[in-house]
Amino acid sequence: MSISENLSSIKSSLPCEVTLVVVTKTQSLENIMEVYALNHKIFGENKVQELADKYKQLPKDIEWHLIGHLQTNKVKYIAPFVCLIHSVDSLKLLEEINKQAQKNNRIINCLLQLYIAKEETKFGLDFKEAETLMSSQEFSKLKNIAVVGFMGMASNTDDKEQIANEFQSLKLFFNKCKQMVTFNLKLEILSMGMSSDYLLAIQEGSTLIRVGSSIFGERN
């Protein structure tokens, strides 16, 4: 099927409360514009350099998400325009995002990345670390960021029960933390699910999915 057919098929099956972020990692400008022409304008990139380059070359009404691991020294390159950063896994990174947002006279929306997988390769905070961070005095001083939800990636496994359990654990934690509301903390987004497991993620309460290969085809 074509890019447009794949996109239409996925969007037609999504509940209205679920947002689709089309992952454009390594995709050509032509492929991205094919999606854009279908009036889809929410895109996600893994790498800062690729995101900054595409931002310069593509229409300015695109909503760009940074979904990959972010180093503190790279924040300045995306701070002027990024819409949502999915992968915040430390107070130090939040403080740098806050600093760069202040320089750009913006408030930058962020998701805390929570570690839910049974593998060592994933980044993220555990639940206790996340609670400690959100309750800390240091966090309460950050005026130019808003933590608007959580992101989690399940284990890379064919065991659907394990994946569902991991998503469930994050949904339960999300529900528990929703009562923690301050000027820079309002948990509304639960980002779980990619091409391989987004249907399962939606069943377990995801409100935002990140899909690339199911739209563009497998990357070479």
N, C-alpha and C. Protein backbone atom coordinates (compact mmCIF):
# COMPACT_ATOMS: atom_id res chain seq x y z
N MET A 1 0.84 -1.20 0.00
CA MET A 1 0.00 0.00 0.00
C MET A 1 0.88 1.25 0.00
N SER A 2 0.31 2.34 -0.48
CA SER A 2 1.06 3.60 -0.55
C SER A 2 1.09 4.27 0.83
N ILE A 3 1.93 5.30 0.94
CA ILE A 3 2.01 6.08 2.18
C ILE A 3 0.63 6.62 2.55
N SER A 4 -0.06 7.19 1.57
CA SER A 4 -1.37 7.79 1.86
C SER A 4 -2.39 6.74 2.29
N GLU A 5 -2.35 5.56 1.66
CA GLU A 5 -3.27 4.48 2.05
C GLU A 5 -2.97 3.98 3.46
N ASN A 6 -1.67 3.82 3.76
CA ASN A 6 -1.28 3.37 5.11
C ASN A 6 -1.73 4.36 6.17
N LEU A 7 -1.49 5.65 5.89
CA LEU A 7 -1.86 6.70 6.85
C LEU A 7 -3.38 6.72 7.07
N SER A 8 -4.13 6.66 5.97
CA SER A 8 -5.60 6.70 6.08
C SER A 8 -6.12 5.50 6.85
N SER A 9 -5.53 4.34 6.60
CA SER A 9 -5.94 3.11 7.28
C SER A 9 -5.72 3.21 8.79
N ILE A 10 -4.56 3.73 9.19
CA ILE A 10 -4.25 3.87 10.62
C ILE A 10 -5.16 4.92 11.26
N LYS A 11 -5.29 6.07 10.62
CA LYS A 11 -6.09 7.15 11.22
C LYS A 11 -7.56 6.77 11.36
N SER A 12 -8.06 6.00 10.40
CA SER A 12 -9.47 5.62 10.45
C SER A 12 -9.77 4.66 11.60
N SER A 13 -8.72 3.98 12.09
CA SER A 13 -8.92 3.00 13.17
C SER A 13 -8.66 3.59 14.56
N LEU A 14 -8.23 4.85 14.63
CA LEU A 14 -7.86 5.43 15.93
C LEU A 14 -9.07 6.05 16.63
N PRO A 15 -9.20 5.81 17.94
CA PRO A 15 -10.21 6.54 18.71
C PRO A 15 -9.93 8.04 18.63
N CYS A 16 -10.95 8.86 18.75
CA CYS A 16 -10.78 10.30 18.56
C CYS A 16 -9.86 10.92 19.61
N GLU A 17 -9.72 10.27 20.78
CA GLU A 17 -8.88 10.86 21.83
C GLU A 17 -7.39 10.51 21.67
N VAL A 18 -7.04 9.73 20.66
CA VAL A 18 -5.65 9.31 20.46
C VAL A 18 -5.00 10.14 19.36
N THR A 19 -3.86 10.75 19.68
CA THR A 19 -3.10 11.56 18.72
C THR A 19 -2.04 10.70 18.04
N LEU A 20 -1.91 10.86 16.74
CA LEU A 20 -0.89 10.14 15.97
C LEU A 20 0.28 11.08 15.68
N VAL A 21 1.48 10.67 16.12
CA VAL A 21 2.72 11.35 15.73
C VAL A 21 3.36 10.49 14.64
N VAL A 22 3.49 11.05 13.44
CA VAL A 22 4.11 10.32 12.34
C VAL A 22 5.63 10.48 12.46
N VAL A 23 6.31 9.35 12.64
CA VAL A 23 7.76 9.36 12.85
C VAL A 23 8.47 9.44 11.50
N THR A 24 9.23 10.52 11.31
CA THR A 24 9.82 10.80 10.00
C THR A 24 11.33 10.57 9.96
N LYS A 25 11.85 9.86 10.96
CA LYS A 25 13.28 9.54 11.02
C LYS A 25 13.75 8.92 9.69
N THR A 26 14.79 9.51 9.11
CA THR A 26 15.43 9.09 7.84
C THR A 26 14.54 9.26 6.61
N GLN A 27 13.34 9.80 6.76
CA GLN A 27 12.45 9.93 5.61
C GLN A 27 12.79 11.18 4.78
N SER A 28 12.57 11.07 3.48
CA SER A 28 12.83 12.19 2.58
C SER A 28 11.79 13.29 2.78
N LEU A 29 12.15 14.50 2.34
CA LEU A 29 11.21 15.62 2.40
C LEU A 29 9.97 15.32 1.56
N GLU A 30 10.16 14.62 0.45
CA GLU A 30 9.04 14.27 -0.43
C GLU A 30 8.03 13.37 0.30
N ASN A 31 8.55 12.37 1.02
CA ASN A 31 7.67 11.46 1.76
C ASN A 31 6.90 12.22 2.86
N ILE A 32 7.62 13.11 3.53
CA ILE A 32 6.97 13.88 4.60
C ILE A 32 5.88 14.79 4.02
N MET A 33 6.20 15.40 2.87
CA MET A 33 5.21 16.29 2.24
C MET A 33 4.00 15.52 1.72
N GLU A 34 4.19 14.25 1.42
CA GLU A 34 3.04 13.42 1.00
C GLU A 34 2.06 13.27 2.17
N VAL A 35 2.61 13.09 3.37
CA VAL A 35 1.77 13.01 4.57
C VAL A 35 1.15 14.38 4.88
N TYR A 36 1.96 15.42 4.79
CA TYR A 36 1.50 16.79 5.05
C TYR A 36 0.34 17.17 4.12
N ALA A 37 0.44 16.72 2.87
CA ALA A 37 -0.61 17.04 1.88
C ALA A 37 -1.95 16.41 2.25
N LEU A 38 -1.91 15.39 3.09
CA LEU A 38 -3.14 14.74 3.56
C LEU A 38 -3.65 15.41 4.84
N ASN A 39 -3.10 16.60 5.12
CA ASN A 39 -3.51 17.42 6.26
C ASN A 39 -3.12 16.80 7.60
N HIS A 40 -2.01 16.05 7.59
CA HIS A 40 -1.46 15.59 8.87
C HIS A 40 -0.19 16.40 9.13
N LYS A 41 -0.14 17.05 10.31
CA LYS A 41 0.95 18.01 10.55
C LYS A 41 1.69 17.77 11.86
N ILE A 42 1.56 16.56 12.43
CA ILE A 42 2.28 16.25 13.68
C ILE A 42 3.33 15.19 13.36
N PHE A 43 4.60 15.61 13.49
CA PHE A 43 5.71 14.73 13.11
C PHE A 43 6.71 14.58 14.26
N GLY A 44 7.36 13.43 14.31
CA GLY A 44 8.34 13.16 15.36
C GLY A 44 9.68 12.75 14.78
N GLU A 45 10.74 13.25 15.38
CA GLU A 45 12.11 12.92 14.97
C GLU A 45 12.90 12.41 16.17
N ASN A 46 13.82 11.49 15.89
CA ASN A 46 14.66 10.92 16.95
C ASN A 46 15.90 11.75 17.24
N LYS A 47 16.44 12.39 16.20
CA LYS A 47 17.73 13.07 16.34
C LYS A 47 17.59 14.58 16.15
N VAL A 48 18.29 15.31 17.01
CA VAL A 48 18.20 16.77 17.02
C VAL A 48 18.61 17.37 15.68
N GLN A 49 19.74 16.92 15.13
CA GLN A 49 20.25 17.50 13.88
C GLN A 49 19.25 17.33 12.74
N GLU A 50 18.71 16.12 12.64
CA GLU A 50 17.74 15.84 11.57
C GLU A 50 16.46 16.67 11.78
N LEU A 51 16.05 16.81 13.01
CA LEU A 51 14.87 17.61 13.33
C LEU A 51 15.10 19.08 12.95
N ALA A 52 16.25 19.63 13.34
CA ALA A 52 16.54 21.04 13.05
C ALA A 52 16.61 21.29 11.54
N ASP A 53 17.22 20.35 10.81
CA ASP A 53 17.33 20.49 9.35
C ASP A 53 15.94 20.47 8.69
N LYS A 54 15.10 19.53 9.12
CA LYS A 54 13.78 19.41 8.51
C LYS A 54 12.89 20.61 8.87
N TYR A 55 13.05 21.10 10.09
CA TYR A 55 12.29 22.29 10.50
C TYR A 55 12.57 23.45 9.54
N LYS A 56 13.85 23.62 9.20
CA LYS A 56 14.24 24.73 8.32
C LYS A 56 13.62 24.59 6.93
N GLN A 57 13.49 23.34 6.45
CA GLN A 57 13.12 23.12 5.05
C GLN A 57 11.63 22.89 4.81
N LEU A 58 10.87 22.67 5.87
CA LEU A 58 9.47 22.27 5.71
C LEU A 58 8.52 23.35 6.23
N PRO A 59 7.23 23.25 5.90
CA PRO A 59 6.27 24.30 6.32
C PRO A 59 6.29 24.55 7.82
N LYS A 60 6.09 25.80 8.18
CA LYS A 60 6.23 26.21 9.58
C LYS A 60 5.00 25.92 10.44
N ASP A 61 3.92 25.40 9.82
CA ASP A 61 2.77 25.03 10.66
C ASP A 61 2.84 23.56 11.10
N ILE A 62 3.97 22.91 10.84
CA ILE A 62 4.16 21.54 11.34
C ILE A 62 4.44 21.59 12.84
N GLU A 63 3.85 20.66 13.56
CA GLU A 63 4.07 20.51 15.01
C GLU A 63 5.16 19.43 15.19
N TRP A 64 6.36 19.85 15.58
CA TRP A 64 7.49 18.92 15.69
C TRP A 64 7.65 18.38 17.11
N HIS A 65 7.80 17.07 17.20
CA HIS A 65 8.07 16.40 18.49
C HIS A 65 9.47 15.79 18.43
N LEU A 66 10.21 15.93 19.51
CA LEU A 66 11.49 15.22 19.64
C LEU A 66 11.21 13.97 20.46
N ILE A 67 11.35 12.80 19.83
CA ILE A 67 10.95 11.56 20.51
C ILE A 67 12.15 10.71 20.94
N GLY A 68 13.35 11.06 20.46
CA GLY A 68 14.53 10.28 20.81
C GLY A 68 15.25 10.83 22.02
N HIS A 69 16.29 10.14 22.43
CA HIS A 69 17.09 10.57 23.59
C HIS A 69 17.69 11.95 23.32
N LEU A 70 17.65 12.82 24.30
CA LEU A 70 18.11 14.19 24.15
C LEU A 70 19.24 14.48 25.13
N GLN A 71 20.36 14.97 24.58
CA GLN A 71 21.49 15.38 25.42
C GLN A 71 21.35 16.87 25.75
N THR A 72 21.81 17.26 26.93
CA THR A 72 21.64 18.65 27.38
C THR A 72 22.28 19.64 26.41
N ASN A 73 23.42 19.28 25.82
CA ASN A 73 24.12 20.23 24.94
C ASN A 73 23.43 20.42 23.59
N LYS A 74 22.38 19.64 23.32
CA LYS A 74 21.68 19.76 22.04
C LYS A 74 20.34 20.52 22.17
N VAL A 75 19.93 20.79 23.39
CA VAL A 75 18.61 21.40 23.61
C VAL A 75 18.47 22.73 22.88
N LYS A 76 19.54 23.52 22.87
CA LYS A 76 19.48 24.87 22.30
C LYS A 76 19.09 24.88 20.82
N TYR A 77 19.36 23.79 20.11
CA TYR A 77 19.08 23.76 18.68
C TYR A 77 17.58 23.59 18.36
N ILE A 78 16.83 23.05 19.30
CA ILE A 78 15.40 22.82 19.05
C ILE A 78 14.50 23.70 19.92
N ALA A 79 15.09 24.36 20.91
CA ALA A 79 14.30 25.17 21.85
C ALA A 79 13.44 26.25 21.20
N PRO A 80 13.88 26.86 20.07
CA PRO A 80 13.04 27.91 19.49
C PRO A 80 11.72 27.42 18.91
N PHE A 81 11.61 26.12 18.58
CA PHE A 81 10.43 25.70 17.81
C PHE A 81 9.79 24.38 18.25
N VAL A 82 10.48 23.56 19.00
CA VAL A 82 9.93 22.22 19.29
C VAL A 82 8.61 22.33 20.05
N CYS A 83 7.67 21.47 19.70
CA CYS A 83 6.34 21.54 20.31
C CYS A 83 6.25 20.67 21.57
N LEU A 84 6.85 19.48 21.50
CA LEU A 84 6.81 18.56 22.64
C LEU A 84 8.07 17.70 22.64
N ILE A 85 8.71 17.61 23.81
CA ILE A 85 9.88 16.73 23.98
C ILE A 85 9.42 15.52 24.78
N HIS A 86 9.52 14.33 24.17
CA HIS A 86 8.97 13.11 24.77
C HIS A 86 9.92 12.42 25.75
N SER A 87 11.19 12.77 25.71
CA SER A 87 12.19 11.86 26.28
C SER A 87 12.99 12.47 27.42
N VAL A 88 12.31 13.18 28.32
CA VAL A 88 13.01 13.82 29.43
C VAL A 88 13.21 12.80 30.55
N ASP A 89 14.48 12.56 30.90
CA ASP A 89 14.75 11.49 31.87
C ASP A 89 15.64 11.94 33.03
N SER A 90 15.71 13.26 33.26
CA SER A 90 16.48 13.74 34.42
C SER A 90 16.09 15.19 34.74
N LEU A 91 16.31 15.57 35.98
CA LEU A 91 16.10 16.96 36.39
C LEU A 91 17.09 17.87 35.67
N LYS A 92 18.32 17.40 35.50
CA LYS A 92 19.35 18.18 34.82
C LYS A 92 18.89 18.57 33.40
N LEU A 93 18.29 17.62 32.70
CA LEU A 93 17.79 17.90 31.34
C LEU A 93 16.62 18.88 31.38
N LEU A 94 15.72 18.71 32.34
CA LEU A 94 14.60 19.65 32.49
C LEU A 94 15.10 21.07 32.75
N GLU A 95 16.14 21.17 33.58
CA GLU A 95 16.69 22.50 33.91
C GLU A 95 17.29 23.16 32.66
N GLU A 96 17.93 22.37 31.81
CA GLU A 96 18.51 22.92 30.58
C GLU A 96 17.40 23.33 29.60
N ILE A 97 16.36 22.51 29.50
CA ILE A 97 15.22 22.87 28.63
C ILE A 97 14.59 24.17 29.14
N ASN A 98 14.45 24.28 30.45
CA ASN A 98 13.89 25.50 31.05
C ASN A 98 14.75 26.73 30.72
N LYS A 99 16.06 26.56 30.84
CA LYS A 99 17.00 27.66 30.55
C LYS A 99 16.89 28.11 29.09
N GLN A 100 16.85 27.14 28.17
CA GLN A 100 16.79 27.49 26.74
C GLN A 100 15.40 28.03 26.37
N ALA A 101 14.36 27.53 27.02
CA ALA A 101 13.01 28.05 26.78
C ALA A 101 12.91 29.50 27.21
N GLN A 102 13.54 29.81 28.35
CA GLN A 102 13.56 31.18 28.87
C GLN A 102 14.23 32.12 27.87
N LYS A 103 15.35 31.66 27.30
CA LYS A 103 16.07 32.48 26.31
C LYS A 103 15.20 32.76 25.09
N ASN A 104 14.30 31.83 24.77
CA ASN A 104 13.43 31.98 23.61
C ASN A 104 12.05 32.51 23.96
N ASN A 105 11.90 32.91 25.24
CA ASN A 105 10.63 33.46 25.72
C ASN A 105 9.46 32.53 25.46
N ARG A 106 9.69 31.24 25.80
CA ARG A 106 8.68 30.21 25.55
C ARG A 106 8.50 29.36 26.80
N ILE A 107 7.39 28.62 26.81
CA ILE A 107 7.23 27.50 27.73
C ILE A 107 7.24 26.24 26.86
N ILE A 108 8.14 25.32 27.16
CA ILE A 108 8.26 24.10 26.34
C ILE A 108 7.59 22.94 27.06
N ASN A 109 6.68 22.28 26.35
CA ASN A 109 5.99 21.10 26.89
C ASN A 109 6.90 19.89 26.83
N CYS A 110 6.86 19.08 27.89
CA CYS A 110 7.73 17.91 28.02
C CYS A 110 6.94 16.71 28.55
N LEU A 111 7.41 15.53 28.20
CA LEU A 111 6.95 14.29 28.81
C LEU A 111 8.12 13.68 29.58
N LEU A 112 7.85 13.17 30.75
CA LEU A 112 8.88 12.40 31.46
C LEU A 112 8.91 10.99 30.87
N GLN A 113 10.10 10.53 30.53
CA GLN A 113 10.24 9.17 30.01
C GLN A 113 10.40 8.21 31.19
N LEU A 114 9.47 7.26 31.28
CA LEU A 114 9.47 6.28 32.36
C LEU A 114 9.99 4.94 31.83
N TYR A 115 10.79 4.31 32.67
CA TYR A 115 11.40 3.02 32.29
C TYR A 115 10.45 1.89 32.69
N ILE A 116 9.85 1.24 31.68
CA ILE A 116 8.91 0.16 31.98
C ILE A 116 9.33 -1.18 31.38
N ALA A 117 10.37 -1.17 30.54
CA ALA A 117 10.76 -2.39 29.81
C ALA A 117 11.61 -3.31 30.66
N LYS A 118 11.63 -4.57 30.26
CA LYS A 118 12.47 -5.57 30.93
C LYS A 118 13.77 -5.75 30.15
N GLU A 119 14.40 -4.65 29.79
CA GLU A 119 15.66 -4.73 29.07
C GLU A 119 16.53 -3.55 29.48
N GLU A 120 17.82 -3.68 29.31
CA GLU A 120 18.76 -2.68 29.82
C GLU A 120 19.00 -1.52 28.86
N THR A 121 18.48 -1.59 27.63
CA THR A 121 18.86 -0.61 26.62
C THR A 121 18.02 0.65 26.63
N LYS A 122 16.92 0.66 27.35
CA LYS A 122 16.01 1.81 27.31
C LYS A 122 16.40 2.86 28.36
N PHE A 123 16.19 4.12 28.00
CA PHE A 123 16.40 5.23 28.94
C PHE A 123 15.13 5.41 29.77
N GLY A 124 15.25 6.22 30.82
CA GLY A 124 14.05 6.58 31.56
C GLY A 124 14.21 6.55 33.06
N LEU A 125 13.26 7.19 33.73
CA LEU A 125 13.18 7.22 35.19
C LEU A 125 12.33 6.05 35.66
N ASP A 126 12.63 5.52 36.85
CA ASP A 126 11.67 4.57 37.42
C ASP A 126 10.58 5.39 38.14
N PHE A 127 9.53 4.72 38.57
CA PHE A 127 8.37 5.45 39.11
C PHE A 127 8.74 6.29 40.34
N LYS A 128 9.59 5.72 41.20
CA LYS A 128 9.97 6.45 42.42
C LYS A 128 10.77 7.71 42.07
N GLU A 129 11.70 7.56 41.12
CA GLU A 129 12.50 8.72 40.69
C GLU A 129 11.63 9.82 40.10
N ALA A 130 10.63 9.41 39.33
CA ALA A 130 9.73 10.40 38.72
C ALA A 130 8.93 11.15 39.79
N GLU A 131 8.42 10.42 40.77
CA GLU A 131 7.66 11.07 41.85
C GLU A 131 8.53 12.04 42.63
N THR A 132 9.76 11.60 42.91
CA THR A 132 10.70 12.46 43.64
C THR A 132 10.99 13.73 42.85
N LEU A 133 11.21 13.58 41.55
CA LEU A 133 11.49 14.74 40.69
C LEU A 133 10.31 15.72 40.70
N MET A 134 9.10 15.20 40.47
CA MET A 134 7.92 16.08 40.37
C MET A 134 7.59 16.77 41.69
N SER A 135 8.03 16.18 42.81
CA SER A 135 7.74 16.75 44.12
C SER A 135 8.85 17.66 44.63
N SER A 136 9.94 17.75 43.88
CA SER A 136 11.12 18.45 44.39
C SER A 136 10.99 19.97 44.30
N GLN A 137 11.75 20.64 45.17
CA GLN A 137 11.80 22.11 45.15
C GLN A 137 12.42 22.60 43.85
N GLU A 138 13.43 21.88 43.38
CA GLU A 138 14.12 22.27 42.14
C GLU A 138 13.13 22.30 40.97
N PHE A 139 12.27 21.28 40.91
CA PHE A 139 11.28 21.22 39.84
C PHE A 139 10.30 22.39 39.93
N SER A 140 9.91 22.73 41.14
CA SER A 140 8.91 23.79 41.33
C SER A 140 9.43 25.16 40.91
N LYS A 141 10.75 25.28 40.75
CA LYS A 141 11.33 26.57 40.33
C LYS A 141 11.35 26.75 38.82
N LEU A 142 11.02 25.72 38.08
CA LEU A 142 11.14 25.77 36.61
C LEU A 142 9.89 26.41 36.01
N LYS A 143 10.03 27.66 35.57
CA LYS A 143 8.88 28.44 35.11
C LYS A 143 8.65 28.33 33.60
N ASN A 144 9.61 27.79 32.85
CA ASN A 144 9.51 27.80 31.39
C ASN A 144 9.38 26.41 30.78
N ILE A 145 9.02 25.46 31.63
CA ILE A 145 8.67 24.12 31.12
C ILE A 145 7.32 23.72 31.69
N ALA A 146 6.67 22.80 30.99
CA ALA A 146 5.44 22.20 31.52
C ALA A 146 5.52 20.70 31.27
N VAL A 147 5.48 19.93 32.33
CA VAL A 147 5.42 18.47 32.18
C VAL A 147 3.95 18.10 32.00
N VAL A 148 3.63 17.64 30.79
CA VAL A 148 2.22 17.42 30.43
C VAL A 148 1.87 15.94 30.31
N GLY A 149 2.82 15.07 30.67
CA GLY A 149 2.50 13.65 30.62
C GLY A 149 3.73 12.77 30.73
N PHE A 150 3.53 11.50 30.44
CA PHE A 150 4.59 10.50 30.50
C PHE A 150 4.73 9.79 29.16
N MET A 151 5.93 9.29 28.92
CA MET A 151 6.19 8.43 27.76
C MET A 151 6.87 7.16 28.24
N GLY A 152 6.49 6.04 27.65
CA GLY A 152 7.15 4.78 27.99
C GLY A 152 7.21 3.85 26.79
N MET A 153 8.30 3.08 26.72
CA MET A 153 8.47 2.09 25.64
C MET A 153 8.52 0.70 26.25
N ALA A 154 7.68 -0.18 25.71
CA ALA A 154 7.63 -1.55 26.20
C ALA A 154 8.84 -2.33 25.68
N SER A 155 9.05 -3.50 26.27
CA SER A 155 10.14 -4.38 25.83
C SER A 155 9.96 -4.78 24.37
N ASN A 156 11.07 -5.00 23.71
CA ASN A 156 11.06 -5.47 22.32
C ASN A 156 10.92 -7.00 22.35
N THR A 157 9.66 -7.44 22.41
CA THR A 157 9.39 -8.87 22.56
C THR A 157 8.10 -9.22 21.82
N ASP A 158 7.93 -10.50 21.49
CA ASP A 158 6.68 -10.95 20.87
C ASP A 158 5.63 -11.32 21.92
N ASP A 159 6.01 -11.24 23.19
CA ASP A 159 5.11 -11.63 24.28
C ASP A 159 4.11 -10.50 24.55
N LYS A 160 2.93 -10.64 23.97
CA LYS A 160 1.93 -9.56 24.07
C LYS A 160 1.47 -9.33 25.51
N GLU A 161 1.43 -10.39 26.29
CA GLU A 161 1.01 -10.25 27.69
C GLU A 161 2.02 -9.40 28.46
N GLN A 162 3.29 -9.62 28.21
CA GLN A 162 4.33 -8.82 28.87
C GLN A 162 4.22 -7.35 28.47
N ILE A 163 4.04 -7.11 27.17
CA ILE A 163 3.91 -5.73 26.67
C ILE A 163 2.70 -5.05 27.31
N ALA A 164 1.57 -5.77 27.34
CA ALA A 164 0.36 -5.21 27.95
C ALA A 164 0.58 -4.89 29.42
N ASN A 165 1.25 -5.78 30.14
CA ASN A 165 1.52 -5.55 31.56
C ASN A 165 2.39 -4.31 31.78
N GLU A 166 3.37 -4.12 30.89
CA GLU A 166 4.24 -2.95 31.01
C GLU A 166 3.46 -1.66 30.76
N PHE A 167 2.62 -1.68 29.73
CA PHE A 167 1.77 -0.51 29.47
C PHE A 167 0.80 -0.26 30.63
N GLN A 168 0.23 -1.33 31.17
CA GLN A 168 -0.70 -1.20 32.31
C GLN A 168 -0.02 -0.54 33.50
N SER A 169 1.23 -0.92 33.75
CA SER A 169 1.94 -0.37 34.91
C SER A 169 2.12 1.14 34.76
N LEU A 170 2.37 1.59 33.55
CA LEU A 170 2.54 3.03 33.32
C LEU A 170 1.20 3.76 33.41
N LYS A 171 0.16 3.14 32.90
CA LYS A 171 -1.18 3.75 32.99
C LYS A 171 -1.60 3.91 34.45
N LEU A 172 -1.35 2.91 35.27
CA LEU A 172 -1.70 2.98 36.69
C LEU A 172 -0.93 4.11 37.38
N PHE A 173 0.36 4.21 37.06
CA PHE A 173 1.19 5.27 37.65
C PHE A 173 0.71 6.65 37.18
N PHE A 174 0.36 6.75 35.91
CA PHE A 174 -0.17 7.99 35.33
C PHE A 174 -1.43 8.41 36.07
N ASN A 175 -2.35 7.47 36.27
CA ASN A 175 -3.60 7.77 36.99
C ASN A 175 -3.32 8.24 38.42
N LYS A 176 -2.37 7.57 39.06
CA LYS A 176 -2.01 7.91 40.44
C LYS A 176 -1.46 9.34 40.54
N CYS A 177 -0.66 9.73 39.54
CA CYS A 177 0.03 11.03 39.59
C CYS A 177 -0.81 12.19 39.08
N LYS A 178 -1.94 11.89 38.44
CA LYS A 178 -2.75 12.96 37.83
C LYS A 178 -3.21 14.00 38.84
N GLN A 179 -3.30 13.61 40.11
CA GLN A 179 -3.75 14.56 41.14
C GLN A 179 -2.65 15.57 41.49
N MET A 180 -1.40 15.28 41.07
CA MET A 180 -0.30 16.21 41.35
C MET A 180 -0.34 17.33 40.31
N VAL A 181 -1.03 18.40 40.61
CA VAL A 181 -1.16 19.51 39.66
C VAL A 181 -0.52 20.76 40.24
N THR A 182 0.43 21.33 39.49
CA THR A 182 1.03 22.62 39.84
C THR A 182 1.07 23.45 38.56
N PHE A 183 1.63 24.65 38.64
CA PHE A 183 1.63 25.53 37.45
C PHE A 183 2.44 24.91 36.31
N ASN A 184 3.42 24.04 36.61
CA ASN A 184 4.24 23.46 35.55
C ASN A 184 4.06 21.94 35.43
N LEU A 185 3.00 21.43 36.03
CA LEU A 185 2.72 19.99 35.99
C LEU A 185 1.22 19.76 35.82
N LYS A 186 0.84 19.26 34.66
CA LYS A 186 -0.55 18.88 34.43
C LYS A 186 -0.54 17.68 33.50
N LEU A 187 -0.76 16.51 34.05
CA LEU A 187 -0.58 15.26 33.30
C LEU A 187 -1.82 14.97 32.46
N GLU A 188 -1.67 15.11 31.16
CA GLU A 188 -2.78 14.89 30.23
C GLU A 188 -2.44 13.88 29.13
N ILE A 189 -1.15 13.72 28.83
CA ILE A 189 -0.73 12.88 27.70
C ILE A 189 -0.04 11.62 28.21
N LEU A 190 -0.44 10.48 27.66
CA LEU A 190 0.24 9.22 27.94
C LEU A 190 0.72 8.66 26.61
N SER A 191 2.01 8.81 26.36
CA SER A 191 2.60 8.42 25.07
C SER A 191 3.15 7.00 25.17
N MET A 192 2.40 6.06 24.61
CA MET A 192 2.83 4.65 24.58
C MET A 192 2.43 4.08 23.22
N GLY A 193 3.29 3.27 22.65
CA GLY A 193 2.93 2.55 21.43
C GLY A 193 3.62 3.07 20.19
N MET A 194 4.20 2.11 19.45
CA MET A 194 4.85 2.40 18.18
C MET A 194 4.25 1.45 17.13
N SER A 195 4.88 1.39 15.95
CA SER A 195 4.29 0.59 14.86
C SER A 195 3.96 -0.84 15.30
N SER A 196 4.84 -1.43 16.09
CA SER A 196 4.67 -2.85 16.44
C SER A 196 3.63 -3.11 17.52
N ASP A 197 3.32 -2.09 18.34
CA ASP A 197 2.47 -2.38 19.51
C ASP A 197 1.44 -1.30 19.82
N TYR A 198 1.17 -0.40 18.86
CA TYR A 198 0.30 0.73 19.19
C TYR A 198 -1.14 0.32 19.47
N LEU A 199 -1.62 -0.76 18.82
CA LEU A 199 -3.00 -1.19 19.08
C LEU A 199 -3.15 -1.66 20.53
N LEU A 200 -2.15 -2.39 20.99
CA LEU A 200 -2.12 -2.85 22.39
C LEU A 200 -2.02 -1.65 23.33
N ALA A 201 -1.19 -0.69 22.97
CA ALA A 201 -1.00 0.51 23.80
C ALA A 201 -2.31 1.29 23.95
N ILE A 202 -3.05 1.40 22.85
CA ILE A 202 -4.33 2.12 22.91
C ILE A 202 -5.31 1.40 23.83
N GLN A 203 -5.33 0.07 23.74
CA GLN A 203 -6.19 -0.73 24.65
C GLN A 203 -5.86 -0.45 26.11
N GLU A 204 -4.57 -0.19 26.37
CA GLU A 204 -4.13 0.01 27.76
C GLU A 204 -4.13 1.48 28.18
N GLY A 205 -4.68 2.37 27.33
CA GLY A 205 -4.89 3.74 27.76
C GLY A 205 -4.00 4.80 27.14
N SER A 206 -3.21 4.45 26.12
CA SER A 206 -2.37 5.45 25.47
C SER A 206 -3.23 6.54 24.83
N THR A 207 -2.76 7.79 24.92
CA THR A 207 -3.45 8.89 24.25
C THR A 207 -2.61 9.45 23.09
N LEU A 208 -1.41 8.92 22.92
CA LEU A 208 -0.54 9.41 21.85
C LEU A 208 0.35 8.25 21.38
N ILE A 209 0.37 7.99 20.07
CA ILE A 209 1.18 6.90 19.53
C ILE A 209 2.18 7.46 18.52
N ARG A 210 3.32 6.76 18.38
CA ARG A 210 4.40 7.20 17.51
C ARG A 210 4.59 6.13 16.43
N VAL A 211 4.21 6.44 15.20
CA VAL A 211 4.19 5.42 14.15
C VAL A 211 4.97 5.90 12.92
N GLY A 212 5.93 5.09 12.48
CA GLY A 212 6.70 5.42 11.28
C GLY A 212 6.66 4.33 10.24
N SER A 213 7.21 3.16 10.57
CA SER A 213 7.36 2.11 9.55
C SER A 213 6.02 1.58 9.04
N SER A 214 4.98 1.63 9.84
CA SER A 214 3.66 1.18 9.37
C SER A 214 3.06 2.14 8.34
N ILE A 215 3.63 3.34 8.27
CA ILE A 215 3.18 4.32 7.28
C ILE A 215 4.12 4.36 6.07
N PHE A 216 5.42 4.45 6.34
CA PHE A 216 6.40 4.62 5.27
C PHE A 216 6.99 3.30 4.76
N GLY A 217 6.74 2.20 5.48
CA GLY A 217 7.41 0.95 5.15
C GLY A 217 8.68 0.81 5.99
N GLU A 218 9.21 -0.39 6.07
CA GLU A 218 10.40 -0.63 6.88
C GLU A 218 11.58 0.18 6.35
N ARG A 219 12.38 0.74 7.29
CA ARG A 219 13.59 1.48 6.89
C ARG A 219 14.65 0.50 6.42
N ASN A 220 15.42 0.93 5.43
CA ASN A 220 16.54 0.10 4.94
C ASN A 220 17.68 0.10 5.93
